Amino acid sequence: MIIRIILGIVFIAIGIFLNVKTESMLQSFGRMAWFEMKLGVEGGSRLGYRLIGIILIFLGVLIAFGMIDGFIMWILSPLLNYGAPSAAITP
């Protein structure tokens, strides 16, 4: 339980760092070609770093509060037919 909270806080801290220090991340690691191609030349990589940070914050909150299992099952439910009624055909 404590490990889950600590891991969630670490994810949140890394996500906040990515959002606050976007420019220094861009200077340190350079531009990301996929984000530049898909999100435009003006700030594509900056937006990419920020999106990664926001996703990490979201995952950190899910981990810290113990909701990650339910979220993963919800995401994968169309593939796994999780919670679907039985496929048996009755006459």
N, C-alpha and C. Protein backbone atom coordinates (compact mmCIF):
# COMPACT_ATOMS: atom_id res chain seq x y z
N MET A 1 0.82 -1.19 0.00
CA MET A 1 0.00 0.00 0.00
C MET A 1 0.87 1.26 0.00
N ILE A 2 1.88 1.29 0.84
CA ILE A 2 2.77 2.45 0.88
C ILE A 2 3.56 2.56 -0.42
N ILE A 3 3.97 1.41 -0.97
CA ILE A 3 4.72 1.42 -2.23
C ILE A 3 3.87 2.02 -3.34
N ARG A 4 2.58 1.67 -3.36
CA ARG A 4 1.67 2.20 -4.37
C ARG A 4 1.58 3.72 -4.28
N ILE A 5 1.49 4.24 -3.07
CA ILE A 5 1.40 5.69 -2.89
C ILE A 5 2.70 6.37 -3.30
N ILE A 6 3.83 5.78 -2.90
CA ILE A 6 5.13 6.36 -3.27
C ILE A 6 5.32 6.34 -4.78
N LEU A 7 4.98 5.22 -5.43
CA LEU A 7 5.10 5.13 -6.88
C LEU A 7 4.20 6.15 -7.58
N GLY A 8 2.98 6.33 -7.06
CA GLY A 8 2.08 7.34 -7.61
C GLY A 8 2.65 8.74 -7.48
N ILE A 9 3.23 9.04 -6.32
CA ILE A 9 3.83 10.36 -6.11
C ILE A 9 5.01 10.58 -7.04
N VAL A 10 5.80 9.53 -7.28
CA VAL A 10 6.94 9.64 -8.20
C VAL A 10 6.44 9.95 -9.61
N PHE A 11 5.40 9.25 -10.06
CA PHE A 11 4.84 9.51 -11.39
C PHE A 11 4.32 10.94 -11.49
N ILE A 12 3.62 11.38 -10.45
CA ILE A 12 3.08 12.74 -10.45
C ILE A 12 4.22 13.77 -10.49
N ALA A 13 5.28 13.53 -9.72
CA ALA A 13 6.41 14.47 -9.68
C ALA A 13 7.11 14.54 -11.04
N ILE A 14 7.29 13.40 -11.69
CA ILE A 14 7.92 13.40 -13.01
C ILE A 14 7.03 14.12 -14.01
N GLY A 15 5.72 13.90 -13.94
CA GLY A 15 4.79 14.58 -14.84
C GLY A 15 4.79 16.09 -14.64
N ILE A 16 4.82 16.52 -13.39
CA ILE A 16 4.88 17.95 -13.11
C ILE A 16 6.19 18.53 -13.61
N PHE A 17 7.30 17.81 -13.40
CA PHE A 17 8.60 18.27 -13.88
C PHE A 17 8.58 18.44 -15.39
N LEU A 18 7.99 17.47 -16.11
CA LEU A 18 7.93 17.57 -17.57
C LEU A 18 7.11 18.78 -18.01
N ASN A 19 6.06 19.11 -17.29
CA ASN A 19 5.23 20.25 -17.66
C ASN A 19 5.88 21.58 -17.30
N VAL A 20 6.59 21.63 -16.19
CA VAL A 20 7.20 22.89 -15.76
C VAL A 20 8.48 23.17 -16.54
N LYS A 21 9.26 22.16 -16.79
CA LYS A 21 10.57 22.32 -17.43
C LYS A 21 10.55 21.83 -18.88
N THR A 22 9.51 22.14 -19.62
CA THR A 22 9.38 21.69 -20.99
C THR A 22 10.52 22.21 -21.86
N GLU A 23 10.87 23.46 -21.71
CA GLU A 23 11.91 24.05 -22.56
C GLU A 23 13.27 23.42 -22.29
N SER A 24 13.59 23.19 -21.04
CA SER A 24 14.88 22.55 -20.75
C SER A 24 14.91 21.10 -21.21
N MET A 25 13.77 20.41 -21.17
CA MET A 25 13.70 19.05 -21.72
C MET A 25 13.92 19.07 -23.23
N LEU A 26 13.35 20.07 -23.89
CA LEU A 26 13.52 20.20 -25.33
C LEU A 26 14.98 20.46 -25.67
N GLN A 27 15.65 21.30 -24.89
CA GLN A 27 17.06 21.58 -25.15
C GLN A 27 17.95 20.39 -24.82
N SER A 28 17.58 19.61 -23.81
CA SER A 28 18.40 18.47 -23.41
C SER A 28 18.25 17.28 -24.35
N PHE A 29 17.01 16.95 -24.71
CA PHE A 29 16.75 15.74 -25.47
C PHE A 29 16.40 16.00 -26.93
N GLY A 30 16.16 17.23 -27.29
CA GLY A 30 15.89 17.57 -28.68
C GLY A 30 14.42 17.39 -29.06
N ARG A 31 14.18 17.56 -30.34
CA ARG A 31 12.82 17.48 -30.86
C ARG A 31 12.43 16.04 -31.14
N MET A 32 11.12 15.77 -31.04
CA MET A 32 10.59 14.45 -31.34
C MET A 32 9.92 14.52 -32.71
N ALA A 33 10.42 13.75 -33.65
CA ALA A 33 9.97 13.85 -35.04
C ALA A 33 8.48 13.56 -35.19
N TRP A 34 7.97 12.57 -34.46
CA TRP A 34 6.56 12.21 -34.62
C TRP A 34 5.65 13.36 -34.19
N PHE A 35 5.96 13.99 -33.05
CA PHE A 35 5.16 15.11 -32.59
C PHE A 35 5.29 16.31 -33.52
N GLU A 36 6.47 16.53 -34.04
CA GLU A 36 6.66 17.63 -34.99
C GLU A 36 5.83 17.40 -36.25
N MET A 37 5.77 16.16 -36.72
CA MET A 37 5.03 15.85 -37.93
C MET A 37 3.52 15.94 -37.70
N LYS A 38 3.05 15.42 -36.58
CA LYS A 38 1.61 15.34 -36.33
C LYS A 38 1.02 16.60 -35.71
N LEU A 39 1.79 17.32 -34.89
CA LEU A 39 1.24 18.46 -34.14
C LEU A 39 1.73 19.81 -34.64
N GLY A 40 2.49 19.83 -35.69
CA GLY A 40 2.90 21.10 -36.26
C GLY A 40 4.32 21.48 -35.91
N VAL A 41 4.84 22.41 -36.69
CA VAL A 41 6.23 22.83 -36.53
C VAL A 41 6.39 23.76 -35.32
N GLU A 42 5.43 24.60 -35.07
CA GLU A 42 5.52 25.56 -33.97
C GLU A 42 5.07 24.93 -32.65
N GLY A 43 5.99 24.33 -31.95
CA GLY A 43 5.68 23.80 -30.63
C GLY A 43 5.20 22.37 -30.61
N GLY A 44 5.42 21.61 -31.63
CA GLY A 44 4.98 20.23 -31.65
C GLY A 44 5.64 19.40 -30.58
N SER A 45 6.95 19.52 -30.44
CA SER A 45 7.68 18.76 -29.42
C SER A 45 7.37 19.28 -28.03
N ARG A 46 7.22 20.58 -27.89
CA ARG A 46 6.85 21.14 -26.58
C ARG A 46 5.51 20.58 -26.13
N LEU A 47 4.55 20.55 -27.03
CA LEU A 47 3.24 19.98 -26.72
C LEU A 47 3.37 18.49 -26.42
N GLY A 48 4.24 17.81 -27.13
CA GLY A 48 4.47 16.39 -26.89
C GLY A 48 4.99 16.13 -25.49
N TYR A 49 5.98 16.91 -25.04
CA TYR A 49 6.51 16.75 -23.69
C TYR A 49 5.42 17.04 -22.66
N ARG A 50 4.61 18.03 -22.92
CA ARG A 50 3.53 18.35 -21.98
C ARG A 50 2.46 17.26 -21.94
N LEU A 51 2.13 16.70 -23.08
CA LEU A 51 1.15 15.60 -23.11
C LEU A 51 1.67 14.38 -22.35
N ILE A 52 2.94 14.07 -22.53
CA ILE A 52 3.53 12.96 -21.79
C ILE A 52 3.48 13.24 -20.29
N GLY A 53 3.75 14.48 -19.90
CA GLY A 53 3.67 14.86 -18.49
C GLY A 53 2.26 14.74 -17.93
N ILE A 54 1.27 15.16 -18.69
CA ILE A 54 -0.13 15.07 -18.24
C ILE A 54 -0.54 13.61 -18.10
N ILE A 55 -0.13 12.76 -19.03
CA ILE A 55 -0.45 11.34 -18.95
C ILE A 55 0.21 10.72 -17.71
N LEU A 56 1.46 11.10 -17.43
CA LEU A 56 2.13 10.59 -16.23
C LEU A 56 1.43 11.04 -14.95
N ILE A 57 0.96 12.28 -14.92
CA ILE A 57 0.22 12.76 -13.74
C ILE A 57 -1.06 11.96 -13.57
N PHE A 58 -1.78 11.73 -14.65
CA PHE A 58 -3.03 10.96 -14.60
C PHE A 58 -2.76 9.53 -14.11
N LEU A 59 -1.74 8.88 -14.66
CA LEU A 59 -1.40 7.53 -14.22
C LEU A 59 -0.94 7.51 -12.77
N GLY A 60 -0.21 8.54 -12.35
CA GLY A 60 0.23 8.62 -10.96
C GLY A 60 -0.93 8.72 -9.99
N VAL A 61 -1.93 9.49 -10.34
CA VAL A 61 -3.13 9.59 -9.48
C VAL A 61 -3.85 8.25 -9.43
N LEU A 62 -3.98 7.59 -10.58
CA LEU A 62 -4.64 6.28 -10.60
C LEU A 62 -3.88 5.27 -9.75
N ILE A 63 -2.56 5.27 -9.83
CA ILE A 63 -1.75 4.33 -9.05
C ILE A 63 -1.85 4.65 -7.56
N ALA A 64 -1.74 5.91 -7.20
CA ALA A 64 -1.74 6.31 -5.79
C ALA A 64 -3.05 5.97 -5.10
N PHE A 65 -4.16 6.08 -5.80
CA PHE A 65 -5.46 5.81 -5.19
C PHE A 65 -5.97 4.41 -5.46
N GLY A 66 -5.16 3.56 -6.10
CA GLY A 66 -5.53 2.17 -6.30
C GLY A 66 -6.58 1.94 -7.36
N MET A 67 -6.70 2.83 -8.31
CA MET A 67 -7.72 2.70 -9.35
C MET A 67 -7.16 2.22 -10.68
N ILE A 68 -5.87 1.89 -10.74
CA ILE A 68 -5.23 1.55 -12.01
C ILE A 68 -5.77 0.23 -12.55
N ASP A 69 -6.08 -0.74 -11.69
CA ASP A 69 -6.60 -2.03 -12.16
C ASP A 69 -7.94 -1.86 -12.86
N GLY A 70 -8.84 -1.12 -12.25
CA GLY A 70 -10.14 -0.88 -12.86
C GLY A 70 -10.03 -0.11 -14.17
N PHE A 71 -9.10 0.84 -14.23
CA PHE A 71 -8.92 1.62 -15.45
C PHE A 71 -8.39 0.75 -16.58
N ILE A 72 -7.42 -0.11 -16.29
CA ILE A 72 -6.87 -0.99 -17.32
C ILE A 72 -7.94 -1.96 -17.80
N MET A 73 -8.74 -2.50 -16.89
CA MET A 73 -9.81 -3.41 -17.31
C MET A 73 -10.85 -2.67 -18.15
N TRP A 74 -11.13 -1.41 -17.82
CA TRP A 74 -12.08 -0.63 -18.61
C TRP A 74 -11.54 -0.38 -20.01
N ILE A 75 -10.25 -0.06 -20.11
CA ILE A 75 -9.63 0.19 -21.41
C ILE A 75 -9.62 -1.08 -22.26
N LEU A 76 -9.31 -2.21 -21.65
CA LEU A 76 -9.18 -3.46 -22.39
C LEU A 76 -10.49 -4.23 -22.52
N SER A 77 -11.57 -3.76 -21.91
CA SER A 77 -12.83 -4.50 -21.93
C SER A 77 -13.37 -4.78 -23.33
N PRO A 78 -13.23 -3.89 -24.31
CA PRO A 78 -13.70 -4.27 -25.65
C PRO A 78 -12.93 -5.45 -26.24
N LEU A 79 -11.68 -5.58 -25.88
CA LEU A 79 -10.88 -6.68 -26.40
C LEU A 79 -11.12 -7.98 -25.64
N LEU A 80 -11.40 -7.88 -24.36
CA LEU A 80 -11.53 -9.06 -23.51
C LEU A 80 -12.97 -9.48 -23.26
N ASN A 81 -13.94 -8.68 -23.71
CA ASN A 81 -15.35 -8.89 -23.40
C ASN A 81 -15.58 -9.01 -21.90
N TYR A 82 -14.90 -8.17 -21.17
CA TYR A 82 -15.00 -8.17 -19.72
C TYR A 82 -16.37 -7.70 -19.30
N GLY A 83 -17.07 -8.50 -18.53
CA GLY A 83 -18.39 -8.12 -18.05
C GLY A 83 -19.51 -8.31 -19.05
N ALA A 84 -19.21 -8.91 -20.18
CA ALA A 84 -20.23 -9.13 -21.20
C ALA A 84 -21.09 -10.33 -20.79
N PRO A 85 -22.35 -10.33 -21.18
CA PRO A 85 -23.19 -11.50 -20.86
C PRO A 85 -22.69 -12.72 -21.63
N SER A 86 -23.14 -13.85 -21.19
CA SER A 86 -22.75 -15.11 -21.80
C SER A 86 -23.14 -15.14 -23.27
N ALA A 87 -22.30 -15.81 -24.06
CA ALA A 87 -22.55 -15.89 -25.49
C ALA A 87 -23.42 -17.07 -25.87
N ALA A 88 -23.93 -17.78 -24.87
CA ALA A 88 -24.77 -18.94 -25.16
C ALA A 88 -26.09 -18.51 -25.77
N ILE A 89 -26.49 -19.21 -26.79
CA ILE A 89 -27.75 -18.90 -27.48
C ILE A 89 -28.82 -19.83 -26.94
N THR A 90 -29.90 -19.23 -26.48
CA THR A 90 -31.00 -20.03 -25.97
C THR A 90 -32.16 -19.99 -26.96
N PRO A 91 -32.83 -21.14 -27.18
CA PRO A 91 -33.94 -21.14 -28.15
C PRO A 91 -35.18 -20.46 -27.65
